[in-house]
Every structure is written in structure tokens, then in C-alpha cells.
Amino acid sequence: MAVTTKKHEEQPSPTPRHRFVGIITERDYLKKIVIRDLSSKDVLVSQIMTPRRALRAVSLDHSLYECLDIFEK
């Protein structure tokens, strides 16, 4: 799920005021909430999301092999 600076937006689109700041995945939730036996009611998205600076982008033309190579770096 993409995370923006605007709350309650189902289909986020970046604008100067409301930009993408990160992403949260099921893996983030499992590794950072469930395994640590924390309550999701007490944890902010900003505490478990992967920040934008850590994300890597690929194009539709990348092969799965190329994507996996990027993940390993």
C-alpha cells in the first residue's frame, strides 16, 4: 500500500502537498507487528513503513530476474 501525506485517500496521487512518503506491505506488518507481538492499534504507519528513500523502482520492461537482482543489492 502506498503511503501519502494525506489521510483517507484510497487511490493516492502525488501532488506538491500530498506526496508519496513510503510503502507498507504485509511483510512489514508481519515482521514488525505480529512477530514482535505488538498491537496494531498502538503502532503508527510511519513506524513500520519502508520509507521512499529505501524503495527501488523498476519498469514494466524489467524481467523478474533483473528485479530479483535489484532486491539482492
PDB file of N, CA and C in Angstrom:
ATOM      1  N   MET A   1       0.845  -1.156   0.000  1.00  0.00           N
ATOM      2  CA  MET A   1       0.000   0.000   0.000  1.00  0.00           C
ATOM      3  C   MET A   1       0.904   1.236   0.000  1.00  0.00           C
ATOM      4  N   ALA A   2       0.654   2.147  -0.874  1.00  0.00           N
ATOM      5  CA  ALA A   2       1.408   3.392  -0.903  1.00  0.00           C
ATOM      6  C   ALA A   2       0.984   4.281   0.259  1.00  0.00           C
ATOM      7  N   VAL A   3       1.939   4.980   0.825  1.00  0.00           N
ATOM      8  CA  VAL A   3       1.653   5.882   1.934  1.00  0.00           C
ATOM      9  C   VAL A   3       1.875   7.307   1.454  1.00  0.00           C
ATOM     10  N   THR A   4       0.871   8.165   1.662  1.00  0.00           N
ATOM     11  CA  THR A   4       0.997   9.564   1.290  1.00  0.00           C
ATOM     12  C   THR A   4       0.871  10.419   2.535  1.00  0.00           C
ATOM     13  N   THR A   5       1.081  11.706   2.364  1.00  0.00           N
ATOM     14  CA  THR A   5       0.952  12.625   3.480  1.00  0.00           C
ATOM     15  C   THR A   5      -0.495  13.022   3.720  1.00  0.00           C
ATOM     16  N   LYS A   6      -1.415  12.539   2.882  1.00  0.00           N
ATOM     17  CA  LYS A   6      -2.837  12.860   3.029  1.00  0.00           C
ATOM     18  C   LYS A   6      -3.582  11.642   3.554  1.00  0.00           C
ATOM     19  N   LYS A   7      -4.383  11.813   4.576  1.00  0.00           N
ATOM     20  CA  LYS A   7      -5.119  10.719   5.186  1.00  0.00           C
ATOM     21  C   LYS A   7      -6.419  10.442   4.423  1.00  0.00           C
ATOM     22  N   HIS A   8      -6.869   9.192   4.451  1.00  0.00           N
ATOM     23  CA  HIS A   8      -8.143   8.759   3.857  1.00  0.00           C
ATOM     24  C   HIS A   8      -8.199   8.937   2.344  1.00  0.00           C
ATOM     25  N   GLU A   9      -7.168   8.551   1.673  1.00  0.00           N
ATOM     26  CA  GLU A   9      -7.156   8.652   0.214  1.00  0.00           C
ATOM     27  C   GLU A   9      -6.986   7.249  -0.349  1.00  0.00           C
ATOM     28  N   GLU A  10      -8.020   6.718  -0.993  1.00  0.00           N
ATOM     29  CA  GLU A  10      -7.963   5.344  -1.475  1.00  0.00           C
ATOM     30  C   GLU A  10      -7.030   5.163  -2.668  1.00  0.00           C
ATOM     31  N   GLN A  11      -7.055   6.059  -3.604  1.00  0.00           N
ATOM     32  CA  GLN A  11      -6.176   5.991  -4.759  1.00  0.00           C
ATOM     33  C   GLN A  11      -5.242   7.196  -4.724  1.00  0.00           C
ATOM     34  N   PRO A  12      -4.150   7.102  -3.964  1.00  0.00           N
ATOM     35  CA  PRO A  12      -3.289   8.267  -3.804  1.00  0.00           C
ATOM     36  C   PRO A  12      -2.616   8.691  -5.104  1.00  0.00           C
ATOM     37  N   SER A  13      -2.500   9.969  -5.273  1.00  0.00           N
ATOM     38  CA  SER A  13      -1.752  10.510  -6.398  1.00  0.00           C
ATOM     39  C   SER A  13      -0.880  11.640  -5.851  1.00  0.00           C
ATOM     40  N   PRO A  14       0.405  11.598  -6.172  1.00  0.00           N
ATOM     41  CA  PRO A  14       1.285  12.609  -5.607  1.00  0.00           C
ATOM     42  C   PRO A  14       0.983  14.007  -6.140  1.00  0.00           C
ATOM     43  N   THR A  15       1.005  14.954  -5.255  1.00  0.00           N
ATOM     44  CA  THR A  15       0.875  16.361  -5.588  1.00  0.00           C
ATOM     45  C   THR A  15       1.913  17.081  -4.757  1.00  0.00           C
ATOM     46  N   PRO A  16       2.159  18.351  -5.014  1.00  0.00           N
ATOM     47  CA  PRO A  16       3.130  19.062  -4.179  1.00  0.00           C
ATOM     48  C   PRO A  16       2.800  19.006  -2.685  1.00  0.00           C
ATOM     49  N   ARG A  17       1.509  19.002  -2.334  1.00  0.00           N
ATOM     50  CA  ARG A  17       1.118  18.964  -0.920  1.00  0.00           C
ATOM     51  C   ARG A  17       1.057  17.555  -0.356  1.00  0.00           C
ATOM     52  N   HIS A  18       0.682  16.584  -1.187  1.00  0.00           N
ATOM     53  CA  HIS A  18       0.465  15.223  -0.718  1.00  0.00           C
ATOM     54  C   HIS A  18       1.311  14.271  -1.554  1.00  0.00           C
ATOM     55  N   ARG A  19       2.504  14.021  -1.118  1.00  0.00           N
ATOM     56  CA  ARG A  19       3.427  13.206  -1.905  1.00  0.00           C
ATOM     57  C   ARG A  19       3.581  11.817  -1.285  1.00  0.00           C
ATOM     58  N   PHE A  20       4.073  10.881  -2.079  1.00  0.00           N
ATOM     59  CA  PHE A  20       4.365   9.552  -1.570  1.00  0.00           C
ATOM     60  C   PHE A  20       5.539   9.647  -0.607  1.00  0.00           C
ATOM     61  N   VAL A  21       5.407   9.021   0.531  1.00  0.00           N
ATOM     62  CA  VAL A  21       6.489   9.050   1.523  1.00  0.00           C
ATOM     63  C   VAL A  21       6.998   7.652   1.843  1.00  0.00           C
ATOM     64  N   GLY A  22       6.295   6.627   1.356  1.00  0.00           N
ATOM     65  CA  GLY A  22       6.747   5.273   1.618  1.00  0.00           C
ATOM     66  C   GLY A  22       5.728   4.249   1.192  1.00  0.00           C
ATOM     67  N   ILE A  23       5.979   3.021   1.603  1.00  0.00           N
ATOM     68  CA  ILE A  23       5.087   1.917   1.268  1.00  0.00           C
ATOM     69  C   ILE A  23       5.019   0.985   2.475  1.00  0.00           C
ATOM     70  N   ILE A  24       3.868   0.364   2.658  1.00  0.00           N
ATOM     71  CA  ILE A  24       3.712  -0.638   3.711  1.00  0.00           C
ATOM     72  C   ILE A  24       3.192  -1.909   3.069  1.00  0.00           C
ATOM     73  N   THR A  25       3.788  -3.022   3.453  1.00  0.00           N
ATOM     74  CA  THR A  25       3.427  -4.313   2.878  1.00  0.00           C
ATOM     75  C   THR A  25       2.995  -5.273   3.982  1.00  0.00           C
ATOM     76  N   GLU A  26       2.436  -6.388   3.558  1.00  0.00           N
ATOM     77  CA  GLU A  26       2.090  -7.424   4.538  1.00  0.00           C
ATOM     78  C   GLU A  26       3.341  -7.897   5.268  1.00  0.00           C
ATOM     79  N   ARG A  27       4.438  -7.935   4.539  1.00  0.00           N
ATOM     80  CA  ARG A  27       5.702  -8.360   5.155  1.00  0.00           C
ATOM     81  C   ARG A  27       6.114  -7.384   6.256  1.00  0.00           C
ATOM     82  N   ASP A  28       5.974  -6.078   6.003  1.00  0.00           N
ATOM     83  CA  ASP A  28       6.266  -5.082   7.042  1.00  0.00           C
ATOM     84  C   ASP A  28       5.416  -5.351   8.272  1.00  0.00           C
ATOM     85  N   TYR A  29       4.135  -5.595   8.036  1.00  0.00           N
ATOM     86  CA  TYR A  29       3.204  -5.825   9.142  1.00  0.00           C
ATOM     87  C   TYR A  29       3.594  -7.082   9.928  1.00  0.00           C
ATOM     88  N   LEU A  30       3.857  -8.157   9.213  1.00  0.00           N
ATOM     89  CA  LEU A  30       4.205  -9.410   9.888  1.00  0.00           C
ATOM     90  C   LEU A  30       5.516  -9.305  10.658  1.00  0.00           C
ATOM     91  N   LYS A  31       6.542  -8.741  10.027  1.00  0.00           N
ATOM     92  CA  LYS A  31       7.860  -8.670  10.658  1.00  0.00           C
ATOM     93  C   LYS A  31       7.919  -7.670  11.813  1.00  0.00           C
ATOM     94  N   LYS A  32       7.162  -6.612  11.706  1.00  0.00           N
ATOM     95  CA  LYS A  32       7.313  -5.530  12.684  1.00  0.00           C
ATOM     96  C   LYS A  32       6.186  -5.425  13.691  1.00  0.00           C
ATOM     97  N   ILE A  33       5.085  -6.117  13.452  1.00  0.00           N
ATOM     98  CA  ILE A  33       3.955  -6.079  14.389  1.00  0.00           C
ATOM     99  C   ILE A  33       3.689  -7.477  14.955  1.00  0.00           C
ATOM    100  N   VAL A  34       3.346  -8.411  14.097  1.00  0.00           N
ATOM    101  CA  VAL A  34       2.923  -9.739  14.535  1.00  0.00           C
ATOM    102  C   VAL A  34       4.050 -10.478  15.266  1.00  0.00           C
ATOM    103  N   ILE A  35       5.226 -10.548  14.669  1.00  0.00           N
ATOM    104  CA  ILE A  35       6.338 -11.287  15.274  1.00  0.00           C
ATOM    105  C   ILE A  35       6.758 -10.675  16.616  1.00  0.00           C
ATOM    106  N   ARG A  36       6.655  -9.374  16.735  1.00  0.00           N
ATOM    107  CA  ARG A  36       7.025  -8.697  17.988  1.00  0.00           C
ATOM    108  C   ARG A  36       5.869  -8.647  18.983  1.00  0.00           C
ATOM    109  N   ASP A  37       4.741  -9.253  18.612  1.00  0.00           N
ATOM    110  CA  ASP A  37       3.551  -9.316  19.464  1.00  0.00           C
ATOM    111  C   ASP A  37       3.088  -7.922  19.901  1.00  0.00           C
ATOM    112  N   LEU A  38       3.094  -6.978  18.956  1.00  0.00           N
ATOM    113  CA  LEU A  38       2.620  -5.626  19.225  1.00  0.00           C
ATOM    114  C   LEU A  38       1.166  -5.492  18.786  1.00  0.00           C
ATOM    115  N   SER A  39       0.502  -4.480  19.271  1.00  0.00           N
ATOM    116  CA  SER A  39      -0.873  -4.212  18.871  1.00  0.00           C
ATOM    117  C   SER A  39      -0.878  -3.213  17.725  1.00  0.00           C
ATOM    118  N   SER A  40      -1.582  -3.556  16.660  1.00  0.00           N
ATOM    119  CA  SER A  40      -1.641  -2.639  15.521  1.00  0.00           C
ATOM    120  C   SER A  40      -2.367  -1.349  15.875  1.00  0.00           C
ATOM    121  N   LYS A  41      -3.131  -1.348  16.949  1.00  0.00           N
ATOM    122  CA  LYS A  41      -3.816  -0.136  17.393  1.00  0.00           C
ATOM    123  C   LYS A  41      -2.843   0.891  17.961  1.00  0.00           C
ATOM    124  N   ASP A  42      -1.674   0.427  18.415  1.00  0.00           N
ATOM    125  CA  ASP A  42      -0.718   1.306  19.076  1.00  0.00           C
ATOM    126  C   ASP A  42       0.462   1.720  18.204  1.00  0.00           C
ATOM    127  N   VAL A  43       0.510   1.227  16.981  1.00  0.00           N
ATOM    128  CA  VAL A  43       1.656   1.471  16.107  1.00  0.00           C
ATOM    129  C   VAL A  43       1.244   2.359  14.941  1.00  0.00           C
ATOM    130  N   LEU A  44       2.040   3.374  14.666  1.00  0.00           N
ATOM    131  CA  LEU A  44       1.797   4.265  13.526  1.00  0.00           C
ATOM    132  C   LEU A  44       2.396   3.667  12.256  1.00  0.00           C
ATOM    133  N   VAL A  45       1.798   3.975  11.139  1.00  0.00           N
ATOM    134  CA  VAL A  45       2.320   3.524   9.850  1.00  0.00           C
ATOM    135  C   VAL A  45       3.769   3.962   9.683  1.00  0.00           C
ATOM    136  N   SER A  46       4.083   5.175  10.091  1.00  0.00           N
ATOM    137  CA  SER A  46       5.444   5.695   9.934  1.00  0.00           C
ATOM    138  C   SER A  46       6.478   4.865  10.684  1.00  0.00           C
ATOM    139  N   GLN A  47       6.055   4.104  11.681  1.00  0.00           N
ATOM    140  CA  GLN A  47       6.977   3.279  12.451  1.00  0.00           C
ATOM    141  C   GLN A  47       7.338   1.971  11.750  1.00  0.00           C
ATOM    142  N   ILE A  48       6.512   1.523  10.822  1.00  0.00           N
ATOM    143  CA  ILE A  48       6.790   0.236  10.182  1.00  0.00           C
ATOM    144  C   ILE A  48       6.935   0.306   8.669  1.00  0.00           C
ATOM    145  N   MET A  49       6.613   1.433   8.064  1.00  0.00           N
ATOM    146  CA  MET A  49       6.669   1.524   6.599  1.00  0.00           C
ATOM    147  C   MET A  49       8.114   1.538   6.104  1.00  0.00           C
ATOM    148  N   THR A  50       8.278   1.187   4.852  1.00  0.00           N
ATOM    149  CA  THR A  50       9.555   1.335   4.183  1.00  0.00           C
ATOM    150  C   THR A  50       9.556   2.733   3.582  1.00  0.00           C
ATOM    151  N   PRO A  51      10.485   3.603   4.011  1.00  0.00           N
ATOM    152  CA  PRO A  51      10.468   4.977   3.521  1.00  0.00           C
ATOM    153  C   PRO A  51      10.835   5.063   2.040  1.00  0.00           C
ATOM    154  N   ARG A  52      10.366   6.108   1.421  1.00  0.00           N
ATOM    155  CA  ARG A  52      10.575   6.312  -0.023  1.00  0.00           C
ATOM    156  C   ARG A  52      12.047   6.219  -0.412  1.00  0.00           C
ATOM    157  N   ARG A  53      12.925   6.739   0.423  1.00  0.00           N
ATOM    158  CA  ARG A  53      14.359   6.741   0.082  1.00  0.00           C
ATOM    159  C   ARG A  53      14.937   5.328  -0.023  1.00  0.00           C
ATOM    160  N   ALA A  54      14.263   4.342   0.581  1.00  0.00           N
ATOM    161  CA  ALA A  54      14.739   2.962   0.545  1.00  0.00           C
ATOM    162  C   ALA A  54      14.091   2.140  -0.572  1.00  0.00           C
ATOM    163  N   LEU A  55      13.139   2.718  -1.282  1.00  0.00           N
ATOM    164  CA  LEU A  55      12.443   1.999  -2.348  1.00  0.00           C
ATOM    165  C   LEU A  55      13.244   2.010  -3.639  1.00  0.00           C
ATOM    166  N   ARG A  56      13.104   0.960  -4.408  1.00  0.00           N
ATOM    167  CA  ARG A  56      13.726   0.864  -5.724  1.00  0.00           C
ATOM    168  C   ARG A  56      12.614   0.713  -6.751  1.00  0.00           C
ATOM    169  N   ALA A  57      12.740   1.389  -7.854  1.00  0.00           N
ATOM    170  CA  ALA A  57      11.708   1.338  -8.897  1.00  0.00           C
ATOM    171  C   ALA A  57      12.226   0.546 -10.091  1.00  0.00           C
ATOM    172  N   VAL A  58      11.304  -0.147 -10.729  1.00  0.00           N
ATOM    173  CA  VAL A  58      11.613  -0.858 -11.961  1.00  0.00           C
ATOM    174  C   VAL A  58      10.538  -0.510 -12.983  1.00  0.00           C
ATOM    175  N   SER A  59      10.835  -0.796 -14.224  1.00  0.00           N
ATOM    176  CA  SER A  59       9.849  -0.534 -15.278  1.00  0.00           C
ATOM    177  C   SER A  59       9.165  -1.837 -15.664  1.00  0.00           C
ATOM    178  N   LEU A  60       8.135  -1.720 -16.454  1.00  0.00           N
ATOM    179  CA  LEU A  60       7.430  -2.903 -16.939  1.00  0.00           C
ATOM    180  C   LEU A  60       8.300  -3.753 -17.860  1.00  0.00           C
ATOM    181  N   ASP A  61       9.383  -3.171 -18.349  1.00  0.00           N
ATOM    182  CA  ASP A  61      10.280  -3.882 -19.259  1.00  0.00           C
ATOM    183  C   ASP A  61      11.336  -4.715 -18.527  1.00  0.00           C
ATOM    184  N   HIS A  62      11.462  -4.557 -17.203  1.00  0.00           N
ATOM    185  CA  HIS A  62      12.413  -5.365 -16.445  1.00  0.00           C
ATOM    186  C   HIS A  62      11.919  -6.808 -16.359  1.00  0.00           C
ATOM    187  N   SER A  63      12.864  -7.737 -16.422  1.00  0.00           N
ATOM    188  CA  SER A  63      12.496  -9.141 -16.221  1.00  0.00           C
ATOM    189  C   SER A  63      12.435  -9.418 -14.721  1.00  0.00           C
ATOM    190  N   LEU A  64      11.786 -10.490 -14.372  1.00  0.00           N
ATOM    191  CA  LEU A  64      11.732 -10.887 -12.966  1.00  0.00           C
ATOM    192  C   LEU A  64      13.146 -11.144 -12.449  1.00  0.00           C
ATOM    193  N   TYR A  65      13.980 -11.732 -13.266  1.00  0.00           N
ATOM    194  CA  TYR A  65      15.371 -11.987 -12.885  1.00  0.00           C
ATOM    195  C   TYR A  65      16.085 -10.671 -12.537  1.00  0.00           C
ATOM    196  N   GLU A  66      15.893  -9.648 -13.362  1.00  0.00           N
ATOM    197  CA  GLU A  66      16.508  -8.344 -13.085  1.00  0.00           C
ATOM    198  C   GLU A  66      15.986  -7.748 -11.777  1.00  0.00           C
ATOM    199  N   CYS A  67      14.697  -7.909 -11.521  1.00  0.00           N
ATOM    200  CA  CYS A  67      14.109  -7.399 -10.276  1.00  0.00           C
ATOM    201  C   CYS A  67      14.706  -8.098  -9.062  1.00  0.00           C
ATOM    202  N   LEU A  68      14.833  -9.416  -9.149  1.00  0.00           N
ATOM    203  CA  LEU A  68      15.428 -10.155  -8.037  1.00  0.00           C
ATOM    204  C   LEU A  68      16.875  -9.733  -7.809  1.00  0.00           C
ATOM    205  N   ASP A  69      17.593  -9.453  -8.871  1.00  0.00           N
ATOM    206  CA  ASP A  69      18.972  -8.970  -8.754  1.00  0.00           C
ATOM    207  C   ASP A  69      18.996  -7.624  -8.017  1.00  0.00           C
ATOM    208  N   ILE A  70      18.040  -6.754  -8.318  1.00  0.00           N
ATOM    209  CA  ILE A  70      17.959  -5.451  -7.643  1.00  0.00           C
ATOM    210  C   ILE A  70      17.647  -5.647  -6.152  1.00  0.00           C
ATOM    211  N   PHE A  71      16.753  -6.580  -5.829  1.00  0.00           N
ATOM    212  CA  PHE A  71      16.400  -6.848  -4.425  1.00  0.00           C
ATOM    213  C   PHE A  71      17.611  -7.299  -3.622  1.00  0.00           C
ATOM    214  N   GLU A  72      18.492  -8.069  -4.251  1.00  0.00           N
ATOM    215  CA  GLU A  72      19.641  -8.615  -3.548  1.00  0.00           C
ATOM    216  C   GLU A  72      20.707  -7.573  -3.253  1.00  0.00           C
ATOM    217  N   LYS A  73      20.667  -6.449  -3.929  1.00  0.00           N
ATOM    218  CA  LYS A  73      21.705  -5.414  -3.730  1.00  0.00           C
ATOM    219  C   LYS A  73      21.420  -4.584  -2.519  1.00  0.00           C
TER     220      LYS A  73
END
